[in-house]
Amino acid sequence: MNIGQFIESTKRLIHASSKPSREEVWLLLRVSLLGIAIIGGIGFMVRILFLFLGSGAI
């Protein structure tokens, strides 16, 4: 792909994309925060498990 094709492809992509609505942004934010909370909770549980098993050097 040469530079001209890349520029044309980029123009088409920008033209086809649209700004997300407020509802879409809010949904994305909630899903992202939920994922972060779940991963953090799993990490916390693993940490507590290792503390109780006597391998608290993590």
Foldseek 3Di string as FASTA:
>chain_A
DDPVVVVVVVVVVVVPDDDDDPVVVVVVVVVVVVVVVVVVVVVVVVQVVCVVVPNNPD
